[in-house]
Amino acid sequence: MIIESMYIYIIIAFIVIWFIEHRVNLSSSHKALIEDGDRVIVNTTILSRCYGFSSKVVIKSDITKVQIADSCISLFTQSGHAIDIWLPKQTCNNIVNLAQQYFRNASFVKV
C-alpha cells in the first residue's frame, strides 16, 4: 500500500516537472534576443532566459553571420567567435526573424 502510493506520487511529480519545463521552454524563447539600443542581450540557454544569468551582450554591427541549424542559432562575430542559442524547434523561426531585424548586415545561412 505504501509503495503503491509512493509510485503514484513519483509519477505525478514527473508529470508536473515535465509540464513546467515544457511551458517554460515555450514561453521563454522570446527572451533569447533582447534589443538594447545598439546592443543585443543574448540568452543562450533556457536557464539564462528564465533566470537571467549567464547572458551575453553583443554589439549589433559585430555580428557578421547567423547560422540556422535544427534547434540552434549561431551568431558569429567579426573576430570569428560563435554564440550558440539553443531553442525548441517550433520557436526558431521567430528568433531568426528577430535576428534579421537586429543584425541587418549579417549573412544568414541555413545548415
N, C-alpha and C. Protein backbone atom coordinates (compact mmCIF):
# COMPACT_ATOMS: atom_id res chain seq x y z
N MET A 1 0.82 -1.19 0.00
CA MET A 1 0.00 0.00 0.00
C MET A 1 0.87 1.27 0.00
N ILE A 2 1.88 1.31 0.85
CA ILE A 2 2.75 2.48 0.92
C ILE A 2 3.56 2.61 -0.36
N ILE A 3 4.05 1.49 -0.87
CA ILE A 3 4.86 1.52 -2.09
C ILE A 3 4.02 1.97 -3.28
N GLU A 4 2.77 1.53 -3.36
CA GLU A 4 1.90 1.93 -4.45
C GLU A 4 1.65 3.44 -4.43
N SER A 5 1.40 3.99 -3.25
CA SER A 5 1.16 5.43 -3.18
C SER A 5 2.44 6.21 -3.49
N MET A 6 3.59 5.65 -3.12
CA MET A 6 4.85 6.31 -3.43
C MET A 6 5.05 6.37 -4.95
N TYR A 7 4.73 5.31 -5.66
CA TYR A 7 4.82 5.30 -7.12
C TYR A 7 3.89 6.34 -7.73
N ILE A 8 2.73 6.47 -7.20
CA ILE A 8 1.77 7.46 -7.70
C ILE A 8 2.33 8.87 -7.51
N TYR A 9 2.91 9.15 -6.34
CA TYR A 9 3.50 10.46 -6.09
C TYR A 9 4.67 10.73 -7.03
N ILE A 10 5.46 9.74 -7.29
CA ILE A 10 6.60 9.90 -8.20
C ILE A 10 6.11 10.19 -9.62
N ILE A 11 5.10 9.47 -10.05
CA ILE A 11 4.56 9.69 -11.40
C ILE A 11 3.96 11.09 -11.50
N ILE A 12 3.23 11.50 -10.50
CA ILE A 12 2.64 12.85 -10.50
C ILE A 12 3.74 13.91 -10.52
N ALA A 13 4.80 13.70 -9.74
CA ALA A 13 5.91 14.66 -9.71
C ALA A 13 6.57 14.76 -11.08
N PHE A 14 6.79 13.64 -11.76
CA PHE A 14 7.38 13.68 -13.10
C PHE A 14 6.48 14.41 -14.09
N ILE A 15 5.18 14.19 -14.00
CA ILE A 15 4.25 14.87 -14.90
C ILE A 15 4.26 16.37 -14.65
N VAL A 16 4.26 16.78 -13.39
CA VAL A 16 4.29 18.21 -13.06
C VAL A 16 5.60 18.84 -13.53
N ILE A 17 6.72 18.18 -13.30
CA ILE A 17 8.02 18.71 -13.73
C ILE A 17 8.07 18.82 -15.25
N TRP A 18 7.61 17.81 -15.96
CA TRP A 18 7.60 17.85 -17.42
C TRP A 18 6.73 19.00 -17.91
N PHE A 19 5.56 19.17 -17.33
CA PHE A 19 4.65 20.23 -17.74
C PHE A 19 5.28 21.60 -17.53
N ILE A 20 5.88 21.81 -16.37
CA ILE A 20 6.52 23.09 -16.07
C ILE A 20 7.67 23.36 -17.04
N GLU A 21 8.52 22.37 -17.25
CA GLU A 21 9.65 22.54 -18.17
C GLU A 21 9.17 22.84 -19.58
N HIS A 22 8.13 22.14 -20.01
CA HIS A 22 7.60 22.32 -21.36
C HIS A 22 7.03 23.73 -21.51
N ARG A 23 6.26 24.20 -20.57
CA ARG A 23 5.66 25.52 -20.64
C ARG A 23 6.73 26.62 -20.54
N VAL A 24 7.68 26.48 -19.65
CA VAL A 24 8.74 27.47 -19.52
C VAL A 24 9.56 27.51 -20.79
N ASN A 25 9.85 26.35 -21.35
CA ASN A 25 10.64 26.26 -22.56
C ASN A 25 9.98 27.03 -23.71
N LEU A 26 8.68 26.86 -23.86
CA LEU A 26 7.98 27.52 -24.95
C LEU A 26 7.78 29.01 -24.67
N SER A 27 7.51 29.35 -23.43
CA SER A 27 7.16 30.73 -23.14
C SER A 27 8.38 31.63 -22.99
N SER A 28 9.56 31.08 -22.79
CA SER A 28 10.73 31.93 -22.56
C SER A 28 11.56 32.16 -23.82
N SER A 29 11.22 31.54 -24.91
CA SER A 29 12.03 31.66 -26.12
C SER A 29 12.08 33.08 -26.66
N HIS A 30 11.06 33.87 -26.41
CA HIS A 30 11.06 35.25 -26.90
C HIS A 30 12.12 36.09 -26.19
N LYS A 31 12.71 35.57 -25.12
CA LYS A 31 13.75 36.29 -24.40
C LYS A 31 15.15 35.92 -24.88
N ALA A 32 15.26 35.16 -25.96
CA ALA A 32 16.57 34.74 -26.45
C ALA A 32 17.38 35.93 -26.95
N LEU A 33 16.74 36.86 -27.63
CA LEU A 33 17.40 38.08 -28.12
C LEU A 33 16.61 39.28 -27.62
N ILE A 34 17.27 40.16 -26.89
CA ILE A 34 16.61 41.35 -26.37
C ILE A 34 17.40 42.57 -26.84
N GLU A 35 16.74 43.43 -27.58
CA GLU A 35 17.40 44.62 -28.12
C GLU A 35 17.59 45.65 -27.02
N ASP A 36 18.78 46.25 -27.01
CA ASP A 36 19.12 47.28 -26.03
C ASP A 36 19.95 48.35 -26.74
N GLY A 37 19.28 49.18 -27.52
CA GLY A 37 19.98 50.21 -28.28
C GLY A 37 20.79 49.61 -29.40
N ASP A 38 22.09 49.87 -29.43
CA ASP A 38 22.96 49.30 -30.47
C ASP A 38 23.54 47.96 -30.03
N ARG A 39 23.07 47.46 -28.91
CA ARG A 39 23.50 46.15 -28.40
C ARG A 39 22.31 45.19 -28.36
N VAL A 40 22.62 43.90 -28.28
CA VAL A 40 21.60 42.87 -28.12
C VAL A 40 22.04 41.96 -26.98
N ILE A 41 21.13 41.71 -26.05
CA ILE A 41 21.39 40.77 -24.98
C ILE A 41 21.00 39.39 -25.49
N VAL A 42 21.94 38.46 -25.44
CA VAL A 42 21.73 37.11 -25.96
C VAL A 42 21.64 36.15 -24.78
N ASN A 43 20.50 35.49 -24.65
CA ASN A 43 20.29 34.47 -23.63
C ASN A 43 20.35 33.11 -24.32
N THR A 44 21.45 32.41 -24.11
CA THR A 44 21.76 31.23 -24.92
C THR A 44 21.04 29.97 -24.48
N THR A 45 20.68 29.86 -23.22
CA THR A 45 20.05 28.63 -22.72
C THR A 45 18.74 28.95 -22.04
N ILE A 46 18.00 27.92 -21.75
CA ILE A 46 16.72 28.10 -21.07
C ILE A 46 16.92 28.69 -19.69
N LEU A 47 18.01 28.35 -19.03
CA LEU A 47 18.27 28.91 -17.70
C LEU A 47 18.53 30.41 -17.76
N SER A 48 19.28 30.84 -18.76
CA SER A 48 19.54 32.28 -18.87
C SER A 48 18.28 33.03 -19.28
N ARG A 49 17.40 32.41 -20.06
CA ARG A 49 16.15 33.06 -20.44
C ARG A 49 15.19 33.15 -19.27
N CYS A 50 15.18 32.16 -18.41
CA CYS A 50 14.25 32.14 -17.27
C CYS A 50 14.77 32.93 -16.08
N TYR A 51 16.05 32.80 -15.79
CA TYR A 51 16.59 33.36 -14.55
C TYR A 51 17.55 34.52 -14.77
N GLY A 52 17.93 34.80 -16.01
CA GLY A 52 18.70 35.98 -16.32
C GLY A 52 20.19 35.93 -16.06
N PHE A 53 20.75 34.79 -15.70
CA PHE A 53 22.19 34.75 -15.51
C PHE A 53 22.87 34.12 -16.72
N SER A 54 24.12 34.40 -16.88
CA SER A 54 24.99 33.96 -17.98
C SER A 54 24.52 34.48 -19.34
N SER A 55 23.97 35.67 -19.36
CA SER A 55 23.62 36.31 -20.62
C SER A 55 24.88 36.91 -21.24
N LYS A 56 24.84 37.09 -22.56
CA LYS A 56 25.95 37.71 -23.27
C LYS A 56 25.42 38.95 -23.97
N VAL A 57 26.25 39.94 -24.10
CA VAL A 57 25.87 41.18 -24.78
C VAL A 57 26.77 41.35 -26.00
N VAL A 58 26.13 41.58 -27.16
CA VAL A 58 26.89 41.80 -28.39
C VAL A 58 26.46 43.13 -29.01
N ILE A 59 27.36 43.72 -29.73
CA ILE A 59 27.05 44.92 -30.50
C ILE A 59 26.50 44.46 -31.85
N LYS A 60 25.41 45.07 -32.26
CA LYS A 60 24.73 44.63 -33.48
C LYS A 60 25.67 44.56 -34.69
N SER A 61 26.52 45.57 -34.84
CA SER A 61 27.40 45.62 -36.02
C SER A 61 28.52 44.59 -35.96
N ASP A 62 28.77 43.98 -34.81
CA ASP A 62 29.83 42.97 -34.68
C ASP A 62 29.40 41.61 -35.22
N ILE A 63 28.11 41.36 -35.37
CA ILE A 63 27.63 40.06 -35.86
C ILE A 63 27.69 40.07 -37.39
N THR A 64 28.49 39.16 -37.94
CA THR A 64 28.68 39.11 -39.40
C THR A 64 27.93 37.96 -40.05
N LYS A 65 27.61 36.93 -39.27
CA LYS A 65 26.94 35.75 -39.84
C LYS A 65 26.01 35.14 -38.81
N VAL A 66 24.84 34.70 -39.26
CA VAL A 66 23.89 33.98 -38.42
C VAL A 66 23.65 32.65 -39.09
N GLN A 67 23.95 31.58 -38.37
CA GLN A 67 23.80 30.23 -38.91
C GLN A 67 22.62 29.57 -38.22
N ILE A 68 21.70 29.01 -39.02
CA ILE A 68 20.49 28.41 -38.50
C ILE A 68 20.57 26.90 -38.71
N ALA A 69 20.54 26.17 -37.61
CA ALA A 69 20.53 24.71 -37.66
C ALA A 69 19.18 24.23 -37.11
N ASP A 70 19.09 22.96 -36.83
CA ASP A 70 17.82 22.35 -36.42
C ASP A 70 17.19 23.05 -35.21
N SER A 71 17.88 23.09 -34.11
CA SER A 71 17.35 23.76 -32.91
C SER A 71 18.41 24.67 -32.29
N CYS A 72 19.32 25.15 -33.12
CA CYS A 72 20.39 26.02 -32.65
C CYS A 72 20.61 27.15 -33.65
N ILE A 73 20.70 28.35 -33.12
CA ILE A 73 21.03 29.52 -33.93
C ILE A 73 22.38 30.01 -33.45
N SER A 74 23.33 30.13 -34.36
CA SER A 74 24.68 30.56 -34.01
C SER A 74 24.94 31.96 -34.55
N LEU A 75 25.43 32.82 -33.68
CA LEU A 75 25.81 34.18 -34.07
C LEU A 75 27.33 34.25 -34.14
N PHE A 76 27.87 34.64 -35.29
CA PHE A 76 29.31 34.73 -35.48
C PHE A 76 29.73 36.19 -35.46
N THR A 77 30.77 36.49 -34.69
CA THR A 77 31.27 37.86 -34.59
C THR A 77 32.37 38.10 -35.62
N GLN A 78 32.81 39.34 -35.73
CA GLN A 78 33.88 39.69 -36.66
C GLN A 78 35.17 38.96 -36.32
N SER A 79 35.39 38.70 -35.05
CA SER A 79 36.61 38.02 -34.63
C SER A 79 36.53 36.50 -34.80
N GLY A 80 35.40 35.99 -35.27
CA GLY A 80 35.26 34.56 -35.52
C GLY A 80 34.66 33.76 -34.39
N HIS A 81 34.37 34.40 -33.28
CA HIS A 81 33.74 33.69 -32.16
C HIS A 81 32.27 33.42 -32.49
N ALA A 82 31.75 32.32 -31.95
CA ALA A 82 30.35 31.96 -32.17
C ALA A 82 29.61 31.89 -30.84
N ILE A 83 28.37 32.33 -30.86
CA ILE A 83 27.49 32.23 -29.71
C ILE A 83 26.31 31.37 -30.15
N ASP A 84 26.13 30.23 -29.50
CA ASP A 84 25.05 29.32 -29.84
C ASP A 84 23.85 29.56 -28.95
N ILE A 85 22.67 29.68 -29.57
CA ILE A 85 21.41 29.83 -28.85
C ILE A 85 20.61 28.56 -29.07
N TRP A 86 20.34 27.83 -28.00
CA TRP A 86 19.59 26.58 -28.09
C TRP A 86 18.12 26.85 -27.81
N LEU A 87 17.26 26.42 -28.74
CA LEU A 87 15.83 26.72 -28.68
C LEU A 87 15.01 25.49 -29.05
N PRO A 88 13.74 25.48 -28.66
CA PRO A 88 12.84 24.46 -29.20
C PRO A 88 12.65 24.70 -30.70
N LYS A 89 12.51 23.64 -31.46
CA LYS A 89 12.42 23.76 -32.92
C LYS A 89 11.27 24.67 -33.36
N GLN A 90 10.16 24.62 -32.63
CA GLN A 90 8.98 25.38 -33.05
C GLN A 90 9.14 26.88 -32.85
N THR A 91 10.16 27.33 -32.13
CA THR A 91 10.34 28.76 -31.91
C THR A 91 11.54 29.34 -32.66
N CYS A 92 12.28 28.53 -33.36
CA CYS A 92 13.47 29.01 -34.07
C CYS A 92 13.14 30.08 -35.11
N ASN A 93 12.06 29.90 -35.85
CA ASN A 93 11.72 30.87 -36.90
C ASN A 93 11.47 32.26 -36.33
N ASN A 94 10.82 32.33 -35.17
CA ASN A 94 10.56 33.63 -34.55
C ASN A 94 11.87 34.32 -34.18
N ILE A 95 12.81 33.57 -33.65
CA ILE A 95 14.10 34.15 -33.25
C ILE A 95 14.91 34.53 -34.48
N VAL A 96 14.82 33.76 -35.55
CA VAL A 96 15.50 34.12 -36.79
C VAL A 96 14.96 35.44 -37.33
N ASN A 97 13.64 35.64 -37.25
CA ASN A 97 13.05 36.90 -37.69
C ASN A 97 13.57 38.07 -36.86
N LEU A 98 13.69 37.87 -35.55
CA LEU A 98 14.28 38.92 -34.70
C LEU A 98 15.73 39.19 -35.09
N ALA A 99 16.48 38.12 -35.32
CA ALA A 99 17.89 38.27 -35.70
C ALA A 99 18.02 39.05 -37.01
N GLN A 100 17.11 38.82 -37.95
CA GLN A 100 17.16 39.56 -39.21
C GLN A 100 16.91 41.05 -38.99
N GLN A 101 16.06 41.38 -38.02
CA GLN A 101 15.81 42.79 -37.70
C GLN A 101 17.00 43.43 -37.00
N TYR A 102 17.63 42.70 -36.09
CA TYR A 102 18.70 43.26 -35.27
C TYR A 102 20.05 43.28 -36.00
N PHE A 103 20.33 42.25 -36.77
CA PHE A 103 21.63 42.11 -37.43
C PHE A 103 21.46 42.25 -38.94
N ARG A 104 21.17 43.43 -39.39
CA ARG A 104 20.85 43.68 -40.80
C ARG A 104 22.03 43.46 -41.74
N ASN A 105 23.25 43.64 -41.26
CA ASN A 105 24.43 43.49 -42.11
C ASN A 105 24.96 42.06 -42.14
N ALA A 106 24.39 41.19 -41.35
CA ALA A 106 24.88 39.80 -41.26
C ALA A 106 24.34 38.96 -42.40
N SER A 107 25.11 37.96 -42.79
CA SER A 107 24.63 36.98 -43.75
C SER A 107 23.94 35.85 -43.00
N PHE A 108 22.88 35.31 -43.56
CA PHE A 108 22.11 34.24 -42.92
C PHE A 108 22.29 32.96 -43.71
N VAL A 109 22.71 31.92 -43.00
CA VAL A 109 22.99 30.62 -43.63
C VAL A 109 22.19 29.55 -42.91
N LYS A 110 21.47 28.75 -43.67
CA LYS A 110 20.74 27.63 -43.08
C LYS A 110 21.50 26.34 -43.35
N VAL A 111 21.75 25.59 -42.28
CA VAL A 111 22.52 24.35 -42.39
C VAL A 111 21.58 23.16 -42.35
